[in-house]
């Protein structure tokens, strides 16, 4: 009977020892530190992914607006039979007898198309904007003074747009897009050298 009692007592001591075992304060602190580092890494990765996504969305939106604006401008320019320079940031094209104004509003930073009393905002967030005029031989025409604008109206055969657009959100870095269009030829405008 003695052997049975010894086995039961040793089993009872073993169970008592296992029940009393737990984590020490040092083990808890190490576990909390490791958990904090892992959580911080996961949160940092998540924020980086979200910021990158928003930045990509901003860039994609700008690229889409710029592409649409240039396609519309190219179509009107190719069909224009005459051109009037209102300023170095505004031009009026006569398309099928209808005046269409393309202008950059520096106060709102928007590139616009005005036709038939309606205004269509083509590209917002424009930081820099420049129209360039070229004659039939490809030489640049100056657009600084009113007399140069008048002369450019008669001699312009090609147009080009140069602009920089930017988007900024509170949580992401600034996304910018520089656009330099091709030279659009006024096919229906008669110009002689």
N, C-alpha and C. Protein backbone atom coordinates (compact mmCIF):
# COMPACT_ATOMS: atom_id res chain seq x y z
N UNK A 1 0.79 -1.17 0.00
CA UNK A 1 0.00 0.00 0.00
C UNK A 1 0.85 1.26 0.00
N UNK A 2 2.03 1.06 0.46
CA UNK A 2 2.94 2.18 0.54
C UNK A 2 3.28 2.73 -0.85
N UNK A 3 3.46 1.84 -1.81
CA UNK A 3 3.80 2.29 -3.15
C UNK A 3 2.65 3.06 -3.78
N UNK A 4 1.43 2.71 -3.50
CA UNK A 4 0.29 3.43 -4.05
C UNK A 4 0.20 4.83 -3.46
N UNK A 5 0.45 4.96 -2.19
CA UNK A 5 0.40 6.25 -1.53
C UNK A 5 1.49 7.17 -2.09
N UNK A 6 2.68 6.63 -2.32
CA UNK A 6 3.78 7.43 -2.84
C UNK A 6 3.44 7.94 -4.23
N UNK A 7 2.87 7.11 -5.07
CA UNK A 7 2.51 7.52 -6.43
C UNK A 7 1.46 8.62 -6.39
N UNK A 8 0.50 8.50 -5.55
CA UNK A 8 -0.54 9.49 -5.45
C UNK A 8 0.01 10.81 -4.93
N UNK A 9 0.92 10.73 -3.95
CA UNK A 9 1.50 11.97 -3.42
C UNK A 9 2.39 12.65 -4.45
N UNK A 10 3.20 11.92 -5.17
CA UNK A 10 4.07 12.54 -6.17
C UNK A 10 3.23 13.14 -7.30
N UNK A 11 2.15 12.48 -7.64
CA UNK A 11 1.26 13.03 -8.68
C UNK A 11 0.60 14.30 -8.17
N UNK A 12 0.19 14.30 -6.92
CA UNK A 12 -0.46 15.47 -6.33
C UNK A 12 0.52 16.63 -6.27
N UNK A 13 1.79 16.36 -5.90
CA UNK A 13 2.79 17.43 -5.85
C UNK A 13 3.05 17.98 -7.25
N UNK A 14 3.12 17.09 -8.23
CA UNK A 14 3.36 17.51 -9.61
C UNK A 14 2.21 18.40 -10.10
N UNK A 15 0.98 18.01 -9.83
CA UNK A 15 -0.17 18.80 -10.23
C UNK A 15 -0.20 20.14 -9.51
N UNK A 16 0.17 20.15 -8.25
CA UNK A 16 0.19 21.40 -7.48
C UNK A 16 1.26 22.34 -8.04
N UNK A 17 2.40 21.79 -8.40
CA UNK A 17 3.47 22.61 -8.97
C UNK A 17 3.05 23.19 -10.32
N UNK A 18 2.40 22.41 -11.17
CA UNK A 18 1.93 22.89 -12.47
C UNK A 18 0.86 23.95 -12.31
N UNK A 19 -0.01 23.82 -11.38
CA UNK A 19 -1.08 24.80 -11.16
C UNK A 19 -0.54 26.12 -10.67
N UNK A 20 0.57 26.10 -9.93
CA UNK A 20 1.15 27.32 -9.40
C UNK A 20 2.03 28.03 -10.41
N UNK A 21 2.47 27.37 -11.46
CA UNK A 21 3.34 28.00 -12.43
C UNK A 21 2.57 29.04 -13.22
N UNK A 22 3.19 30.20 -13.51
CA UNK A 22 2.60 31.29 -14.28
C UNK A 22 3.74 32.09 -14.89
N UNK A 23 3.40 33.26 -15.40
CA UNK A 23 4.42 34.13 -15.99
C UNK A 23 4.96 35.06 -14.91
N UNK A 24 6.24 35.26 -14.97
CA UNK A 24 6.84 36.21 -14.05
C UNK A 24 6.67 37.61 -14.63
N UNK A 25 6.94 38.62 -13.83
CA UNK A 25 6.81 40.00 -14.28
C UNK A 25 7.76 40.29 -15.45
N UNK A 26 8.94 39.74 -15.42
CA UNK A 26 9.91 39.93 -16.50
C UNK A 26 9.38 39.32 -17.80
N UNK A 27 8.82 38.14 -17.71
CA UNK A 27 8.26 37.50 -18.91
C UNK A 27 7.09 38.31 -19.47
N UNK A 28 6.26 38.85 -18.61
CA UNK A 28 5.13 39.68 -19.07
C UNK A 28 5.63 40.95 -19.75
N UNK A 29 6.67 41.57 -19.19
CA UNK A 29 7.22 42.80 -19.78
C UNK A 29 7.84 42.51 -21.15
N UNK A 30 8.55 41.42 -21.29
CA UNK A 30 9.15 41.05 -22.57
C UNK A 30 8.05 40.77 -23.59
N UNK A 31 7.02 40.05 -23.19
CA UNK A 31 5.90 39.76 -24.10
C UNK A 31 5.18 41.03 -24.54
N UNK A 32 4.97 41.96 -23.60
CA UNK A 32 4.31 43.23 -23.93
C UNK A 32 5.17 44.05 -24.88
N UNK A 33 6.46 44.07 -24.68
CA UNK A 33 7.37 44.82 -25.54
C UNK A 33 7.37 44.25 -26.96
N UNK A 34 7.46 42.95 -27.06
CA UNK A 34 7.44 42.31 -28.39
C UNK A 34 6.11 42.57 -29.08
N UNK A 35 5.02 42.49 -28.36
CA UNK A 35 3.70 42.75 -28.94
C UNK A 35 3.59 44.19 -29.41
N UNK A 36 4.12 45.14 -28.64
CA UNK A 36 4.08 46.55 -29.03
C UNK A 36 4.89 46.80 -30.30
N UNK A 37 6.05 46.20 -30.40
CA UNK A 37 6.89 46.37 -31.60
C UNK A 37 6.19 45.79 -32.82
N UNK A 38 5.61 44.62 -32.70
CA UNK A 38 4.90 44.00 -33.82
C UNK A 38 3.69 44.85 -34.22
N UNK A 39 2.93 45.33 -33.25
CA UNK A 39 1.76 46.16 -33.54
C UNK A 39 2.18 47.47 -34.20
N UNK A 40 3.26 48.08 -33.74
CA UNK A 40 3.75 49.32 -34.35
C UNK A 40 4.17 49.07 -35.80
N UNK A 41 4.82 47.96 -36.06
CA UNK A 41 5.24 47.64 -37.43
C UNK A 41 4.04 47.43 -38.35
N UNK A 42 3.03 46.73 -37.85
CA UNK A 42 1.83 46.50 -38.64
C UNK A 42 1.10 47.82 -38.91
N UNK A 43 0.99 48.68 -37.91
CA UNK A 43 0.32 49.97 -38.07
C UNK A 43 1.08 50.87 -39.04
N UNK A 44 2.40 50.88 -38.95
CA UNK A 44 3.21 51.67 -39.88
C UNK A 44 3.03 51.19 -41.31
N UNK A 45 3.05 49.90 -41.51
CA UNK A 45 2.85 49.35 -42.86
C UNK A 45 1.47 49.71 -43.39
N UNK A 46 0.47 49.64 -42.54
CA UNK A 46 -0.90 49.98 -42.96
C UNK A 46 -0.99 51.44 -43.36
N UNK A 47 -0.43 52.34 -42.56
CA UNK A 47 -0.47 53.77 -42.89
C UNK A 47 0.29 54.07 -44.17
N UNK A 48 1.41 53.40 -44.37
CA UNK A 48 2.18 53.59 -45.60
C UNK A 48 1.37 53.16 -46.82
N UNK A 49 0.68 52.05 -46.71
CA UNK A 49 -0.13 51.55 -47.82
C UNK A 49 -1.29 52.50 -48.11
N UNK A 50 -1.94 53.00 -47.07
CA UNK A 50 -3.06 53.93 -47.26
C UNK A 50 -2.57 55.22 -47.90
N UNK A 51 -1.46 55.77 -47.41
CA UNK A 51 -0.93 57.01 -47.98
C UNK A 51 -0.52 56.82 -49.44
N UNK A 52 0.10 55.71 -49.73
CA UNK A 52 0.49 55.44 -51.12
C UNK A 52 -0.73 55.32 -52.01
N UNK A 53 -1.78 54.70 -51.51
CA UNK A 53 -3.01 54.57 -52.28
C UNK A 53 -3.66 55.91 -52.56
N UNK A 54 -3.70 56.78 -51.57
CA UNK A 54 -4.28 58.12 -51.76
C UNK A 54 -3.43 58.93 -52.73
N UNK A 55 -2.12 58.84 -52.60
CA UNK A 55 -1.23 59.55 -53.51
C UNK A 55 -1.40 59.06 -54.94
N UNK A 56 -1.52 57.76 -55.11
CA UNK A 56 -1.74 57.18 -56.43
C UNK A 56 -3.09 57.62 -57.00
N UNK A 57 -4.10 57.70 -56.16
CA UNK A 57 -5.42 58.18 -56.58
C UNK A 57 -5.34 59.63 -57.04
N UNK A 58 -4.63 60.47 -56.29
CA UNK A 58 -4.45 61.87 -56.69
C UNK A 58 -3.76 61.97 -58.04
N UNK A 59 -2.69 61.23 -58.21
CA UNK A 59 -1.96 61.27 -59.47
C UNK A 59 -2.82 60.76 -60.62
N UNK A 60 -3.53 59.69 -60.39
CA UNK A 60 -4.40 59.11 -61.42
C UNK A 60 -5.49 60.09 -61.83
N UNK A 61 -6.06 60.77 -60.85
CA UNK A 61 -7.11 61.77 -61.15
C UNK A 61 -6.54 62.91 -61.98
N UNK A 62 -5.37 63.40 -61.60
CA UNK A 62 -4.74 64.48 -62.38
C UNK A 62 -4.43 64.03 -63.80
N UNK A 63 -3.89 62.84 -63.92
CA UNK A 63 -3.53 62.32 -65.25
C UNK A 63 -4.76 62.19 -66.13
N UNK A 64 -5.85 61.70 -65.58
CA UNK A 64 -7.10 61.57 -66.33
C UNK A 64 -7.66 62.92 -66.76
N UNK A 65 -7.64 63.88 -65.85
CA UNK A 65 -8.13 65.22 -66.19
C UNK A 65 -7.25 65.85 -67.27
N UNK A 66 -5.95 65.72 -67.14
CA UNK A 66 -5.03 66.30 -68.12
C UNK A 66 -5.23 65.67 -69.50
N UNK A 67 -5.39 64.37 -69.53
CA UNK A 67 -5.59 63.67 -70.80
C UNK A 67 -6.89 64.13 -71.47
N UNK A 68 -7.97 64.21 -70.70
CA UNK A 68 -9.25 64.66 -71.23
C UNK A 68 -9.16 66.09 -71.74
N UNK A 69 -8.51 66.96 -70.96
CA UNK A 69 -8.37 68.37 -71.35
C UNK A 69 -7.59 68.50 -72.66
N UNK A 70 -6.50 67.76 -72.77
CA UNK A 70 -5.68 67.85 -73.99
C UNK A 70 -6.39 67.27 -75.20
N UNK A 71 -7.16 66.21 -75.01
CA UNK A 71 -7.91 65.64 -76.13
C UNK A 71 -8.95 66.62 -76.65
N UNK A 72 -9.66 67.26 -75.74
CA UNK A 72 -10.67 68.25 -76.13
C UNK A 72 -10.03 69.46 -76.79
N UNK A 73 -8.93 69.94 -76.21
CA UNK A 73 -8.21 71.07 -76.78
C UNK A 73 -7.67 70.73 -78.16
N UNK A 74 -7.12 69.54 -78.33
CA UNK A 74 -6.58 69.11 -79.63
C UNK A 74 -7.67 69.06 -80.68
N UNK A 75 -8.82 68.51 -80.31
CA UNK A 75 -9.94 68.42 -81.26
C UNK A 75 -10.39 69.80 -81.72
N UNK A 76 -10.56 70.72 -80.77
CA UNK A 76 -11.00 72.08 -81.13
C UNK A 76 -9.93 72.82 -81.92
N UNK A 77 -8.67 72.64 -81.55
CA UNK A 77 -7.59 73.33 -82.25
C UNK A 77 -7.48 72.88 -83.70
N UNK A 78 -7.59 71.60 -83.91
CA UNK A 78 -7.48 71.08 -85.28
C UNK A 78 -8.63 71.56 -86.17
N UNK A 79 -9.78 71.81 -85.58
CA UNK A 79 -10.95 72.24 -86.35
C UNK A 79 -11.07 73.76 -86.46
N UNK A 80 -10.28 74.50 -85.70
CA UNK A 80 -10.40 75.96 -85.65
C UNK A 80 -10.01 76.60 -86.98
N UNK A 81 -10.80 77.58 -87.38
CA UNK A 81 -10.50 78.31 -88.61
C UNK A 81 -9.80 79.63 -88.32
N UNK A 82 -9.87 80.10 -87.08
CA UNK A 82 -9.12 81.30 -86.69
C UNK A 82 -8.85 81.25 -85.19
N UNK A 83 -7.92 82.11 -84.79
CA UNK A 83 -7.51 82.16 -83.38
C UNK A 83 -7.35 83.62 -82.97
N UNK A 84 -7.78 83.92 -81.76
CA UNK A 84 -7.59 85.24 -81.18
C UNK A 84 -6.93 85.05 -79.82
N UNK A 85 -5.82 85.75 -79.62
CA UNK A 85 -5.12 85.68 -78.34
C UNK A 85 -5.68 86.75 -77.41
N UNK A 86 -6.34 86.33 -76.34
CA UNK A 86 -6.87 87.27 -75.34
C UNK A 86 -5.78 87.69 -74.37
N UNK A 87 -4.90 86.76 -74.04
CA UNK A 87 -3.73 87.00 -73.19
C UNK A 87 -2.80 85.81 -73.40
N UNK A 88 -1.69 85.79 -72.67
CA UNK A 88 -0.79 84.64 -72.83
C UNK A 88 -1.34 83.40 -72.11
N UNK A 89 -2.48 83.54 -71.40
CA UNK A 89 -3.11 82.41 -70.72
C UNK A 89 -4.54 82.18 -71.18
N UNK A 90 -4.94 82.87 -72.27
CA UNK A 90 -6.31 82.73 -72.77
C UNK A 90 -6.32 82.88 -74.29
N UNK A 91 -7.01 81.96 -74.94
CA UNK A 91 -7.09 81.97 -76.39
C UNK A 91 -8.52 81.65 -76.82
N UNK A 92 -8.99 82.29 -77.89
CA UNK A 92 -10.31 82.01 -78.44
C UNK A 92 -10.13 81.36 -79.80
N UNK A 93 -10.72 80.19 -79.95
CA UNK A 93 -10.69 79.46 -81.21
C UNK A 93 -12.07 79.55 -81.85
N UNK A 94 -12.11 79.79 -83.15
CA UNK A 94 -13.38 79.81 -83.87
C UNK A 94 -13.56 78.45 -84.55
N UNK A 95 -14.51 77.65 -84.02
CA UNK A 95 -14.76 76.31 -84.51
C UNK A 95 -16.17 76.25 -85.05
N UNK A 96 -16.30 76.01 -86.35
CA UNK A 96 -17.60 75.96 -87.03
C UNK A 96 -18.44 77.19 -86.72
N UNK A 97 -17.80 78.35 -86.71
CA UNK A 97 -18.49 79.62 -86.46
C UNK A 97 -18.77 79.90 -84.99
N UNK A 98 -18.42 79.01 -84.10
CA UNK A 98 -18.65 79.20 -82.66
C UNK A 98 -17.34 79.51 -81.95
N UNK A 99 -17.31 80.59 -81.16
CA UNK A 99 -16.09 80.89 -80.41
C UNK A 99 -15.97 79.97 -79.17
N UNK A 100 -14.79 79.40 -79.01
CA UNK A 100 -14.50 78.55 -77.85
C UNK A 100 -13.26 79.13 -77.17
N UNK A 101 -13.40 79.47 -75.91
CA UNK A 101 -12.30 80.09 -75.16
C UNK A 101 -11.66 79.04 -74.26
N UNK A 102 -10.35 78.95 -74.34
CA UNK A 102 -9.57 78.14 -73.41
C UNK A 102 -8.76 79.13 -72.59
N UNK A 103 -8.87 79.00 -71.27
CA UNK A 103 -8.15 79.94 -70.42
C UNK A 103 -7.70 79.29 -69.13
N UNK A 104 -6.66 79.88 -68.59
CA UNK A 104 -6.16 79.46 -67.28
C UNK A 104 -6.48 80.57 -66.30
N UNK A 105 -7.21 80.24 -65.25
CA UNK A 105 -7.56 81.20 -64.20
C UNK A 105 -6.56 81.01 -63.06
N UNK A 106 -5.63 81.94 -62.92
CA UNK A 106 -4.57 81.80 -61.92
C UNK A 106 -5.09 81.95 -60.49
N UNK A 107 -6.23 82.62 -60.31
CA UNK A 107 -6.76 82.78 -58.94
C UNK A 107 -7.36 81.47 -58.41
N UNK A 108 -8.00 80.71 -59.28
CA UNK A 108 -8.59 79.43 -58.87
C UNK A 108 -7.72 78.24 -59.24
N UNK A 109 -6.66 78.50 -60.05
CA UNK A 109 -5.74 77.46 -60.51
C UNK A 109 -6.46 76.38 -61.33
N UNK A 110 -7.35 76.85 -62.22
CA UNK A 110 -8.15 75.93 -63.04
C UNK A 110 -7.98 76.29 -64.52
N UNK A 111 -7.79 75.26 -65.34
CA UNK A 111 -7.78 75.40 -66.79
C UNK A 111 -9.21 75.14 -67.26
N UNK A 112 -9.79 76.10 -68.01
CA UNK A 112 -11.21 76.04 -68.35
C UNK A 112 -11.46 76.12 -69.85
N UNK A 113 -12.64 75.65 -70.23
CA UNK A 113 -13.15 75.77 -71.60
C UNK A 113 -14.50 76.47 -71.52
N UNK A 114 -14.63 77.59 -72.20
CA UNK A 114 -15.88 78.36 -72.20
C UNK A 114 -16.47 78.34 -73.60
N UNK A 115 -17.72 77.93 -73.70
CA UNK A 115 -18.40 77.89 -74.98
C UNK A 115 -19.90 78.03 -74.77
N UNK A 116 -20.52 78.85 -75.60
CA UNK A 116 -21.98 79.00 -75.54
C UNK A 116 -22.51 79.40 -74.18
N UNK A 117 -21.77 80.20 -73.44
CA UNK A 117 -22.23 80.65 -72.13
C UNK A 117 -21.98 79.66 -70.99
N UNK A 118 -21.43 78.50 -71.29
CA UNK A 118 -21.16 77.53 -70.23
C UNK A 118 -19.65 77.40 -70.02
N UNK A 119 -19.28 77.13 -68.79
CA UNK A 119 -17.87 76.97 -68.43
C UNK A 119 -17.64 75.54 -67.98
N UNK A 120 -16.63 74.93 -68.53
CA UNK A 120 -16.26 73.57 -68.12
C UNK A 120 -14.84 73.60 -67.56
N UNK A 121 -14.70 73.19 -66.32
CA UNK A 121 -13.39 73.11 -65.70
C UNK A 121 -12.71 71.82 -66.18
N UNK A 122 -11.59 71.99 -66.88
CA UNK A 122 -10.90 70.85 -67.46
C UNK A 122 -9.87 70.24 -66.52
N UNK A 123 -9.12 71.09 -65.83
CA UNK A 123 -8.05 70.60 -64.95
C UNK A 123 -7.90 71.55 -63.78
N UNK A 124 -7.98 70.99 -62.58
CA UNK A 124 -7.82 71.82 -61.37
C UNK A 124 -6.46 71.58 -60.74
N UNK A 125 -6.06 72.47 -59.86
CA UNK A 125 -4.78 72.34 -59.18
C UNK A 125 -3.60 72.69 -60.06
N UNK A 126 -3.81 73.50 -61.09
CA UNK A 126 -2.74 73.87 -62.01
C UNK A 126 -1.85 74.92 -61.33
N UNK A 127 -0.58 74.59 -61.17
CA UNK A 127 0.36 75.48 -60.50
C UNK A 127 1.05 76.42 -61.49
N UNK A 128 1.46 75.91 -62.63
CA UNK A 128 2.06 76.73 -63.68
C UNK A 128 1.35 76.43 -64.99
N UNK A 129 1.23 77.45 -65.84
CA UNK A 129 0.53 77.27 -67.11
C UNK A 129 1.14 78.19 -68.14
N UNK A 130 1.26 77.69 -69.36
CA UNK A 130 1.78 78.51 -70.45
C UNK A 130 1.28 77.99 -71.79
N UNK A 131 0.73 78.92 -72.59
CA UNK A 131 0.44 78.63 -73.99
C UNK A 131 1.69 78.99 -74.77
N UNK A 132 1.98 78.22 -75.80
CA UNK A 132 3.07 78.56 -76.71
C UNK A 132 2.49 78.59 -78.12
N UNK A 133 2.86 79.63 -78.87
CA UNK A 133 2.38 79.79 -80.24
C UNK A 133 3.55 79.65 -81.20
N UNK A 134 3.28 79.00 -82.33
CA UNK A 134 4.30 78.80 -83.36
C UNK A 134 3.72 79.19 -84.71
N UNK A 135 4.57 79.75 -85.57
CA UNK A 135 4.10 80.09 -86.91
C UNK A 135 4.19 78.88 -87.83
N UNK A 136 3.96 79.08 -89.10
CA UNK A 136 3.91 77.96 -90.04
C UNK A 136 5.25 77.26 -90.20
N UNK A 137 6.35 77.98 -89.95
CA UNK A 137 7.68 77.37 -90.06
C UNK A 137 8.13 76.72 -88.75
N UNK A 138 7.37 76.89 -87.68
CA UNK A 138 7.71 76.30 -86.39
C UNK A 138 8.44 77.24 -85.45
N UNK A 139 8.59 78.51 -85.86
CA UNK A 139 9.26 79.49 -85.00
C UNK A 139 8.29 79.96 -83.91
N UNK A 140 8.82 80.17 -82.71
CA UNK A 140 8.00 80.61 -81.58
C UNK A 140 7.56 82.05 -81.76
N UNK A 141 6.29 82.31 -81.45
CA UNK A 141 5.76 83.66 -81.51
C UNK A 141 5.66 84.22 -80.09
N UNK A 142 6.13 85.46 -79.88
CA UNK A 142 6.04 86.05 -78.53
C UNK A 142 4.60 86.41 -78.18
N UNK A 143 4.27 86.32 -76.89
CA UNK A 143 2.90 86.60 -76.43
C UNK A 143 2.90 87.52 -75.21
N UNK A 144 3.80 88.50 -75.18
CA UNK A 144 3.93 89.35 -73.99
C UNK A 144 3.09 90.61 -74.04
N UNK A 145 3.11 91.32 -75.15
CA UNK A 145 2.40 92.60 -75.25
C UNK A 145 1.14 92.44 -76.09
N UNK A 146 0.30 93.47 -76.06
CA UNK A 146 -0.95 93.40 -76.83
C UNK A 146 -0.68 93.38 -78.33
N UNK A 147 0.35 94.09 -78.79
CA UNK A 147 0.68 94.06 -80.22
C UNK A 147 1.21 92.68 -80.62
N UNK A 148 1.96 92.03 -79.75
CA UNK A 148 2.44 90.68 -80.03
C UNK A 148 1.28 89.68 -80.05
N UNK A 149 0.30 89.88 -79.17
CA UNK A 149 -0.88 89.00 -79.15
C UNK A 149 -1.67 89.16 -80.44
N UNK A 150 -1.82 90.40 -80.91
CA UNK A 150 -2.54 90.64 -82.17
C UNK A 150 -1.81 90.01 -83.35
N UNK A 151 -0.49 90.20 -83.40
CA UNK A 151 0.31 89.61 -84.49
C UNK A 151 0.27 88.09 -84.41
N UNK A 152 0.29 87.54 -83.20
CA UNK A 152 0.25 86.08 -83.04
C UNK A 152 -1.08 85.52 -83.53
N UNK A 153 -2.16 86.29 -83.40
CA UNK A 153 -3.47 85.84 -83.89
C UNK A 153 -3.45 85.61 -85.39
N UNK A 154 -2.69 86.41 -86.11
CA UNK A 154 -2.60 86.27 -87.56
C UNK A 154 -1.61 85.18 -87.96
N UNK A 155 -0.52 85.02 -87.19
CA UNK A 155 0.54 84.12 -87.60
C UNK A 155 0.54 82.74 -86.96
N UNK A 156 -0.30 82.50 -85.98
CA UNK A 156 -0.27 81.20 -85.28
C UNK A 156 -0.79 80.08 -86.17
N UNK A 157 -0.01 79.04 -86.30
CA UNK A 157 -0.42 77.84 -87.02
C UNK A 157 -0.37 76.61 -86.12
N UNK A 158 0.41 76.69 -85.02
CA UNK A 158 0.53 75.58 -84.07
C UNK A 158 0.42 76.12 -82.64
N UNK A 159 -0.20 75.31 -81.78
CA UNK A 159 -0.34 75.66 -80.36
C UNK A 159 0.22 74.55 -79.51
N UNK A 160 0.71 74.93 -78.35
CA UNK A 160 1.21 73.95 -77.40
C UNK A 160 0.88 74.43 -75.99
N UNK A 161 0.58 73.49 -75.10
CA UNK A 161 0.30 73.80 -73.70
C UNK A 161 1.38 73.18 -72.84
N UNK A 162 1.83 73.96 -71.87
CA UNK A 162 2.77 73.46 -70.87
C UNK A 162 2.19 73.81 -69.51
N UNK A 163 2.06 72.79 -68.63
CA UNK A 163 1.48 73.06 -67.31
C UNK A 163 2.00 72.07 -66.28
N UNK A 164 1.86 72.47 -65.03
CA UNK A 164 2.16 71.59 -63.91
C UNK A 164 0.96 71.62 -62.99
N UNK A 165 0.43 70.45 -62.69
CA UNK A 165 -0.72 70.34 -61.78
C UNK A 165 -0.25 69.61 -60.52
N UNK A 166 -0.93 69.91 -59.40
CA UNK A 166 -0.56 69.27 -58.13
C UNK A 166 -1.79 69.03 -57.29
N UNK A 167 -1.74 67.98 -56.50
CA UNK A 167 -2.80 67.66 -55.54
C UNK A 167 -2.12 67.45 -54.19
N UNK A 168 -2.72 67.98 -53.15
CA UNK A 168 -2.20 67.80 -51.80
C UNK A 168 -3.35 67.45 -50.87
N UNK A 169 -3.17 66.40 -50.12
CA UNK A 169 -4.11 66.03 -49.05
C UNK A 169 -3.41 66.23 -47.72
N UNK A 170 -4.17 66.32 -46.68
CA UNK A 170 -3.61 66.54 -45.35
C UNK A 170 -2.70 65.39 -44.92
N UNK A 171 -3.04 64.19 -45.32
CA UNK A 171 -2.32 63.02 -44.82
C UNK A 171 -1.22 62.50 -45.74
N UNK A 172 -1.14 63.03 -46.95
CA UNK A 172 -0.15 62.49 -47.89
C UNK A 172 0.72 63.60 -48.45
N UNK A 173 1.80 63.18 -49.06
CA UNK A 173 2.69 64.14 -49.70
C UNK A 173 2.04 64.67 -50.98
N UNK A 174 2.60 65.71 -51.50
CA UNK A 174 2.06 66.36 -52.69
C UNK A 174 2.35 65.52 -53.92
N UNK A 175 1.31 65.28 -54.71
CA UNK A 175 1.46 64.57 -55.98
C UNK A 175 1.41 65.63 -57.08
N UNK A 176 2.41 65.63 -57.94
CA UNK A 176 2.42 66.61 -59.02
C UNK A 176 2.60 65.91 -60.36
N UNK A 177 2.15 66.60 -61.40
CA UNK A 177 2.17 66.05 -62.75
C UNK A 177 2.53 67.17 -63.70
N UNK A 178 3.60 67.02 -64.43
CA UNK A 178 4.01 68.02 -65.42
C UNK A 178 3.56 67.54 -66.79
N UNK A 179 2.88 68.42 -67.51
CA UNK A 179 2.33 68.07 -68.82
C UNK A 179 2.88 69.02 -69.87
N UNK A 180 3.41 68.46 -70.92
CA UNK A 180 3.82 69.24 -72.09
C UNK A 180 3.14 68.58 -73.27
N UNK A 181 2.20 69.29 -73.86
CA UNK A 181 1.43 68.70 -74.95
C UNK A 181 2.25 68.69 -76.24
N UNK A 182 1.74 67.94 -77.18
CA UNK A 182 2.30 68.00 -78.52
C UNK A 182 1.91 69.34 -79.13
N UNK A 183 2.49 69.68 -80.24
CA UNK A 183 2.07 70.90 -80.94
C UNK A 183 0.83 70.55 -81.76
N UNK A 184 -0.25 71.28 -81.49
CA UNK A 184 -1.49 71.05 -82.22
C UNK A 184 -1.57 72.02 -83.38
N UNK A 185 -1.85 71.50 -84.55
CA UNK A 185 -1.87 72.31 -85.76
C UNK A 185 -3.29 72.76 -86.06
N UNK A 186 -3.43 74.04 -86.34
CA UNK A 186 -4.72 74.59 -86.77
C UNK A 186 -4.87 74.26 -88.26
N UNK A 187 -5.48 73.14 -88.54
CA UNK A 187 -5.55 72.64 -89.92
C UNK A 187 -6.41 73.50 -90.82
N UNK A 188 -7.45 74.11 -90.28
CA UNK A 188 -8.38 74.88 -91.09
C UNK A 188 -8.04 76.35 -91.16
N UNK A 189 -6.95 76.76 -90.56
CA UNK A 189 -6.55 78.19 -90.58
C UNK A 189 -5.52 78.40 -91.68
N UNK A 190 -5.77 79.39 -92.51
CA UNK A 190 -4.84 79.71 -93.59
C UNK A 190 -3.81 80.69 -93.06
N UNK A 191 -2.56 80.31 -93.21
CA UNK A 191 -1.46 81.17 -92.80
C UNK A 191 -0.43 81.13 -93.91
N UNK A 192 0.10 82.29 -94.25
CA UNK A 192 1.15 82.35 -95.26
C UNK A 192 2.41 82.91 -94.59
N UNK A 193 3.54 82.60 -95.20
CA UNK A 193 4.81 83.08 -94.61
C UNK A 193 5.10 84.49 -94.95
